[in-house]
Protein backbone atom coordinates (compact mmCIF):
# COMPACT_ATOMS: atom_id res chain seq x y z
CA UNK A 1 -21.21 -3.47 16.21
CA UNK A 2 -18.81 -3.39 13.26
CA UNK A 3 -16.12 -1.93 15.49
CA UNK A 4 -16.50 -4.84 17.90
CA UNK A 5 -16.58 -7.38 15.05
CA UNK A 6 -13.50 -5.85 13.44
CA UNK A 7 -11.65 -5.90 16.75
CA UNK A 8 -12.51 -9.55 17.31
CA UNK A 9 -11.44 -10.44 13.75
CA UNK A 10 -8.10 -8.68 14.27
CA UNK A 11 -7.54 -10.49 17.57
CA UNK A 12 -8.23 -13.88 16.00
CA UNK A 13 -6.07 -13.17 12.94
CA UNK A 14 -3.02 -12.01 14.89
CA UNK A 15 -3.19 -14.89 17.36
CA UNK A 16 -3.78 -17.45 14.61
CA UNK A 17 -0.69 -16.13 12.80
CA UNK A 18 1.29 -16.43 16.02
CA UNK A 19 0.09 -19.98 16.69
CA UNK A 20 0.88 -21.22 13.16
CA UNK A 21 4.28 -19.50 13.17
CA UNK A 22 5.26 -21.15 16.44
CA UNK A 23 4.02 -24.54 15.27
CA UNK A 24 5.65 -24.39 11.84
CA UNK A 25 9.09 -23.06 12.77
CA UNK A 26 9.60 -23.55 16.50
CA UNK A 27 7.46 -26.68 17.09
CA UNK A 28 5.70 -25.25 20.11
CA UNK A 29 2.24 -24.01 21.04
CA UNK A 30 2.29 -20.30 21.83
CA UNK A 31 -0.07 -17.44 21.07
CA UNK A 32 2.52 -14.66 20.99
CA UNK A 33 4.31 -13.57 17.84
CA UNK A 34 7.91 -14.85 17.85
CA UNK A 35 11.03 -13.20 16.47
CA UNK A 36 12.77 -14.72 13.46
CA UNK A 37 16.08 -13.12 14.35
CA UNK A 38 17.56 -16.29 15.83
CA UNK A 39 15.83 -18.81 13.58
CA UNK A 40 18.47 -21.22 12.27
CA UNK A 41 19.08 -21.43 8.52
CA UNK A 42 17.73 -24.74 7.31
CA UNK A 43 16.14 -26.35 4.23
CA UNK A 44 13.11 -27.05 6.42
CA UNK A 45 12.26 -23.35 6.14
CA UNK A 46 11.69 -23.80 2.40
CA UNK A 47 9.71 -27.01 2.95
CA UNK A 48 7.40 -25.27 5.44
CA UNK A 49 6.87 -22.33 3.06
CA UNK A 50 6.03 -24.63 0.13
CA UNK A 51 3.64 -26.69 2.26
CA UNK A 52 1.86 -23.56 3.47
CA UNK A 53 1.56 -22.30 -0.10
CA UNK A 54 0.01 -25.62 -1.16
CA UNK A 55 -2.62 -25.33 1.57
CA UNK A 56 -3.39 -21.77 0.47
CA UNK A 57 -3.80 -22.97 -3.14
CA UNK A 58 -6.29 -25.59 -1.96
CA UNK A 59 -8.23 -22.96 -0.04
CA UNK A 60 -8.27 -20.77 -3.14
CA UNK A 61 -10.08 -23.53 -5.02
CA UNK A 62 -12.84 -23.44 -2.42
CA UNK A 63 -12.91 -19.62 -2.22
CA UNK A 64 -11.34 -18.05 -5.35
CA UNK A 65 -11.91 -14.56 -3.91
CA UNK A 66 -8.95 -15.00 -1.54
CA UNK A 67 -6.49 -14.78 -4.45
CA UNK A 68 -4.69 -11.49 -4.79
CA UNK A 69 -3.41 -8.83 -2.43
CA UNK A 70 -6.59 -7.96 -0.52
CA UNK A 71 -7.28 -4.27 -1.10
CA UNK A 72 -7.86 -4.60 -4.89
CA UNK A 73 -10.42 -7.35 -4.22
CA UNK A 74 -12.32 -5.09 -1.80
CA UNK A 75 -12.28 -2.32 -4.41
CA UNK A 76 -13.53 -4.76 -7.03
CA UNK A 77 -16.48 -5.73 -4.81
CA UNK A 78 -17.41 -2.07 -4.37
CA UNK A 79 -17.06 -1.17 -8.05
CA UNK A 80 -18.51 -4.23 -9.79
CA UNK A 81 -20.67 -6.21 -7.33
CA UNK A 82 -22.56 -3.54 -5.38
CA UNK A 83 -20.33 -4.22 -2.34
CA UNK A 84 -21.44 -7.85 -2.11
CA UNK A 85 -18.85 -10.26 -0.69
CA UNK A 86 -19.39 -14.03 -0.49
CA UNK A 87 -19.77 -15.40 3.08
CA UNK A 88 -16.94 -17.91 2.64
CA UNK A 89 -14.55 -15.04 1.98
CA UNK A 90 -14.93 -13.86 5.57
CA UNK A 91 -13.63 -17.25 6.72
CA UNK A 92 -11.21 -18.25 3.97
CA UNK A 93 -9.31 -14.95 3.75
CA UNK A 94 -8.09 -14.73 7.37
CA UNK A 95 -7.36 -18.47 7.48
CA UNK A 96 -5.38 -18.40 4.24
CA UNK A 97 -3.52 -15.27 5.34
CA UNK A 98 -2.65 -16.82 8.69
CA UNK A 99 -1.34 -19.93 6.95
CA UNK A 100 0.66 -17.95 4.37
CA UNK A 101 2.21 -15.62 6.96
CA UNK A 102 2.59 -18.30 9.63
CA UNK A 103 4.54 -20.58 7.28
CA UNK A 104 7.01 -17.88 6.29
CA UNK A 105 5.31 -15.78 3.64
CA UNK A 106 6.80 -12.25 3.71
CA UNK A 107 3.41 -10.57 3.87
CA UNK A 108 1.56 -8.28 6.24
CA UNK A 109 -1.89 -8.37 7.80
CA UNK A 110 -3.20 -5.16 6.24
CA UNK A 111 -4.76 -6.65 3.09
CA UNK A 112 -6.29 -9.71 4.80
CA UNK A 113 -7.85 -7.76 7.68
CA UNK A 114 -9.31 -5.19 5.27
CA UNK A 115 -10.96 -7.97 3.26
CA UNK A 116 -12.12 -9.76 6.41
CA UNK A 117 -13.57 -6.65 8.03
CA UNK A 118 -15.08 -5.55 4.74
CA UNK A 119 -16.65 -8.97 4.27
CA UNK A 120 -18.25 -8.77 7.72
CA UNK A 121 -19.70 -5.36 6.89
CA UNK A 122 -20.89 -6.59 3.51
CA UNK A 123 -22.57 -9.65 5.04
CA UNK A 124 -24.44 -7.45 7.51
CA UNK A 125 -25.52 -5.30 4.57
CA UNK A 126 -26.80 -8.38 2.76
CA UNK A 127 -28.81 -9.60 5.74
CA UNK A 128 -30.25 -6.22 6.70
CA UNK A 129 -32.32 -4.58 3.92
CA UNK A 130 -30.16 -1.64 2.83
CA UNK A 131 -29.35 0.08 -0.44
CA UNK A 132 -26.11 -0.64 -2.37
CA UNK A 133 -24.78 2.74 -1.26
CA UNK A 134 -25.44 1.95 2.41
CA UNK A 135 -23.91 -1.50 1.94
CA UNK A 136 -20.77 0.17 0.62
CA UNK A 137 -20.55 2.24 3.80
CA UNK A 138 -20.94 -0.91 5.91
CA UNK A 139 -18.16 -2.61 3.94
CA UNK A 140 -15.87 0.40 4.38
CA UNK A 141 -16.66 0.61 8.11
CA UNK A 142 -15.82 -3.06 8.57
CA UNK A 143 -12.55 -2.69 6.66
CA UNK A 144 -11.58 0.42 8.65
CA UNK A 145 -12.47 -1.29 11.93
CA UNK A 146 -10.31 -4.29 11.08
CA UNK A 147 -7.34 -2.11 10.20
CA UNK A 148 -7.74 0.09 13.29
CA UNK A 149 -7.96 -2.95 15.55
CA UNK A 150 -4.88 -4.57 13.99
CA UNK A 151 -2.56 -1.59 13.78
CA UNK A 152 -4.04 0.82 16.33
CA UNK A 153 -4.36 3.55 13.71
CA UNK A 154 -7.97 4.78 13.61
CA UNK A 155 -7.27 8.04 11.74
CA UNK A 156 -5.27 6.29 9.02
CA UNK A 157 -8.01 3.66 8.75
CA UNK A 158 -10.67 6.31 8.15
CA UNK A 159 -8.58 8.06 5.49
CA UNK A 160 -7.76 4.77 3.76
CA UNK A 161 -11.41 3.69 3.66
CA UNK A 162 -12.51 7.03 2.21
CA UNK A 163 -9.77 7.05 -0.41
CA UNK A 164 -9.83 3.42 -1.53
CA UNK A 165 -13.34 2.12 -0.83
CA UNK A 166 -15.85 4.97 -0.65
CA UNK A 167 -14.44 7.37 -3.27
CA UNK A 168 -16.40 10.14 -1.58
CA UNK A 169 -16.38 12.33 1.51
CA UNK A 170 -19.82 12.76 3.06
CA UNK A 171 -21.20 13.11 6.57
CA UNK A 172 -23.31 9.97 6.34
CA UNK A 173 -20.17 7.93 5.57
CA UNK A 174 -17.65 9.82 7.69
CA UNK A 175 -19.50 9.54 11.02
CA UNK A 176 -19.97 5.73 10.91
CA UNK A 177 -16.34 5.33 9.83
CA UNK A 178 -15.11 7.34 12.81
CA UNK A 179 -17.35 5.45 15.25
CA UNK A 180 -16.37 1.96 14.02
CA UNK A 181 -12.66 2.83 13.84
CA UNK A 182 -12.68 4.39 17.32
CA UNK A 183 -14.37 1.36 18.87
CA UNK A 184 -11.94 -0.97 17.08
CA UNK A 185 -8.95 1.12 18.21
CA UNK A 186 -10.21 0.79 21.78
CA UNK A 187 -10.29 -2.98 21.34
CA UNK A 188 -6.72 -2.82 20.01
CA UNK A 189 -5.66 -1.11 23.24
CA UNK A 190 -7.49 -3.72 25.29
CA UNK A 191 -6.05 -6.70 23.39
CA UNK A 192 -2.56 -5.58 22.42
CA UNK A 193 -1.76 -2.68 24.74
CA UNK A 194 -1.37 1.03 24.16
CA UNK A 195 2.27 1.17 23.07
CA UNK A 196 3.39 1.77 19.49
CA UNK A 197 3.24 -1.17 17.11
CA UNK A 198 6.72 -0.34 15.79
CA UNK A 199 9.06 0.90 18.51
CA UNK A 200 11.12 3.85 17.25
CA UNK A 201 14.38 4.54 19.11
CA UNK A 202 15.06 8.02 20.44
CA UNK A 203 16.47 10.42 17.87
CA UNK A 204 17.35 14.10 17.40
CA UNK A 205 15.41 14.70 14.21
CA UNK A 206 12.94 17.26 15.48
CA UNK A 207 12.33 20.94 14.93
CA UNK A 208 12.34 23.21 11.88
CA UNK A 209 16.10 23.02 11.49
CA UNK A 210 15.81 19.32 10.62
CA UNK A 211 12.98 19.80 8.15
CA UNK A 212 15.20 20.02 5.00
CA UNK A 213 16.55 16.53 5.76
CA UNK A 214 13.12 15.07 5.06
CA UNK A 215 13.17 16.29 1.45
CA UNK A 216 15.82 13.78 0.27
CA UNK A 217 14.20 11.16 2.50
CA UNK A 218 10.87 11.65 0.74
CA UNK A 219 12.53 11.54 -2.69
CA UNK A 220 14.43 8.37 -1.82
CA UNK A 221 11.31 6.66 -0.46
CA UNK A 222 9.32 7.69 -3.54
CA UNK A 223 11.99 6.32 -5.86
CA UNK A 224 12.19 3.09 -3.87
CA UNK A 225 8.40 2.72 -4.04
CA UNK A 226 8.47 3.11 -7.84
CA UNK A 227 11.22 0.50 -8.16
CA UNK A 228 9.38 -1.97 -5.92
CA UNK A 229 6.05 -1.48 -7.73
CA UNK A 230 7.63 -1.81 -11.17
CA UNK A 231 9.36 -4.98 -10.04
CA UNK A 232 6.10 -6.36 -8.63
CA UNK A 233 4.27 -5.66 -11.89
CA UNK A 234 7.06 -7.24 -13.91
CA UNK A 235 7.06 -10.44 -11.86
CA UNK A 236 3.25 -10.63 -11.94
CA UNK A 237 3.35 -10.44 -15.74
CA UNK A 238 5.90 -13.26 -15.70
CA UNK A 239 3.63 -15.49 -13.61
CA UNK A 240 0.75 -14.91 -16.03
CA UNK A 241 2.93 -16.25 -18.83
CA UNK A 242 3.83 -19.47 -17.04
CA UNK A 243 2.51 -22.63 -18.76
CA UNK A 244 0.97 -23.87 -15.48
CA UNK A 245 -2.32 -23.23 -13.72
CA UNK A 246 -2.72 -20.66 -10.97
CA UNK A 247 -2.83 -23.48 -8.43
CA UNK A 248 0.94 -23.92 -8.73
CA UNK A 249 1.89 -20.24 -8.54
CA UNK A 250 2.11 -19.94 -4.72
CA UNK A 251 4.13 -23.16 -4.20
CA UNK A 252 6.50 -22.23 -7.01
CA UNK A 253 7.54 -18.94 -5.36
CA UNK A 254 9.41 -20.23 -2.29
CA UNK A 255 10.67 -23.31 -4.16
CA UNK A 256 12.08 -21.12 -6.94
CA UNK A 257 13.93 -18.85 -4.48
CA UNK A 258 15.10 -21.21 -1.72
CA UNK A 259 18.29 -19.26 -1.07
CA UNK A 260 16.33 -16.13 -0.16
CA UNK A 261 13.98 -18.05 2.11
CA UNK A 262 16.57 -20.16 3.91
CA UNK A 263 19.48 -17.72 3.96
CA UNK A 264 17.41 -14.79 5.26
CA UNK A 265 14.87 -16.33 7.68
CA UNK A 266 14.27 -12.89 9.17
CA UNK A 267 12.70 -11.88 5.86
CA UNK A 268 9.84 -14.32 6.50
CA UNK A 269 6.72 -13.90 8.56
CA UNK A 270 4.45 -11.02 9.45
CA UNK A 271 5.46 -7.37 9.27
CA UNK A 272 3.78 -6.78 12.61
CA UNK A 273 6.38 -8.85 14.50
CA UNK A 274 9.17 -6.40 13.72
CA UNK A 275 10.11 -3.11 15.29
CA UNK A 276 11.87 -0.19 13.73
CA UNK A 277 14.91 -1.07 15.84
CA UNK A 278 15.34 -4.29 13.85
CA UNK A 279 15.05 -2.57 10.47
CA UNK A 280 18.36 -0.94 9.52
CA UNK A 281 18.81 -0.03 5.87
CA UNK A 282 20.86 -3.15 5.24
CA UNK A 283 17.92 -5.37 6.21
CA UNK A 284 15.66 -4.00 3.50
CA UNK A 285 17.28 -5.79 0.57
CA UNK A 286 16.92 -9.40 1.87
CA UNK A 287 13.18 -8.98 2.50
CA UNK A 288 12.22 -7.01 -0.57
CA UNK A 289 13.00 -9.60 -3.35
CA UNK A 290 11.18 -12.52 -1.63
CA UNK A 291 8.21 -10.26 -0.92
CA UNK A 292 7.98 -9.22 -4.58
CA UNK A 293 8.33 -12.79 -5.80
CA UNK A 294 5.85 -14.39 -3.40
CA UNK A 295 3.34 -11.53 -3.55
CA UNK A 296 3.24 -11.85 -7.33
CA UNK A 297 2.52 -15.58 -7.05
CA UNK A 298 -0.77 -15.16 -5.18
CA UNK A 299 -2.69 -14.74 -8.42
CA UNK A 300 -6.28 -13.61 -8.77
CA UNK A 301 -6.98 -9.90 -9.21
CA UNK A 302 -3.55 -8.39 -9.83
CA UNK A 303 -2.27 -5.27 -8.13
CA UNK A 304 -2.12 -3.76 -11.60
CA UNK A 305 -5.22 -4.73 -13.66
CA UNK A 306 -4.39 -6.60 -16.83
CA UNK A 307 -5.52 -5.04 -20.14
CA UNK A 308 -9.17 -5.76 -20.83
CA UNK A 309 -11.80 -4.91 -23.34
CA UNK A 310 -15.00 -3.11 -22.57
CA UNK A 311 -15.82 -0.47 -19.95
CA UNK A 312 -13.71 0.14 -16.87
CA UNK A 313 -15.03 -1.13 -13.50
CA UNK A 314 -15.38 2.49 -12.40
CA UNK A 315 -17.96 3.04 -15.13
CA UNK A 316 -20.11 0.11 -13.97
C-alpha cells in the first residue's frame, strides 16, 4: 500500500512541477518537463522566481513544517515527535516544492518526496493503532517508496531510509522497506519508463586499468562537497542574522541575485530535467551559487542545527 501511495505521490509531484514550469516560463499547458537550455535571458525570470517564493512563504505560514530542506525535518519527526507528521504537511510540502521548483528554484525533488512519502506513512501509523517504533518503520517505508518512485532507485532508497530515518538494521524494518521500494520502483517504470534518469554517454572508463583514475575523482568530489556544505552553512548563518522575519527569506534570495537567475536560466528548475550529457564541468559553477543562496533562504530546521541548550534530539 505504501509503495502504491509513494508511486502516486511521485507521479503527481513530477507532473505538477512540469505543469508549473511550463506555465511560468513558457506560457503553455504541458505535463512534460521542459529543458531550460533555450530559455531566453529576461528580467521576467527573476520576477517569476520572486513570485513563486512569495507563494511558498504564504504556504509556510499555513504549514510551518514545510520550511527547510526536507530530510532534516523527517529526521526531526523521528527523533523528537515519535514519527508523527501533521496531515497538512503531506499536502503543503509537495505543493510548495512544485511551486518553488516550477518557478525556477534550483532545487531537486529528493527532499520533498521523502517528506511527502514519510508523511503518508506517518499518517497511516496515526490512524492504525501501532507503536511508535512501528510508526517509524511506516514513515521510513513511505519515504523510501517516494524516492524509489521518483528516481527509480529502490536499493539506494532502502539504504538511505535505514541510514537517515531508522538508525537500525533489523529484519522487521528491512523487509517492509524492500517491499515498498520495489513496488514503488515498479510504478516508476510504469509511469516514467525503464531508461536511466540521467543519460550517461558512452565512455571507455571501465576495467581494472582505469581504477586508479577514480581516486583523484573521489578526492575532488569530496573536496567540492566540503566547499559546498561550508558555503551553505555560512549563508544560512547570514540569513539568521537578517533583521527581517523568515517570511521574507525566500523572496529575498532570487531578488538579491538577479544576475545569476537571469544570466544562467539553465541553473533554474528541477535536477530531474537534466541529463549527464548537459552537465559538463563548466556548467557546475553557474548552478552552484544560486542553489546555495536559495537553499539557505528556505528557513525552518537548518541543514546544520543551530547551537541549542539542553539534551540533543537523539537523546529524546
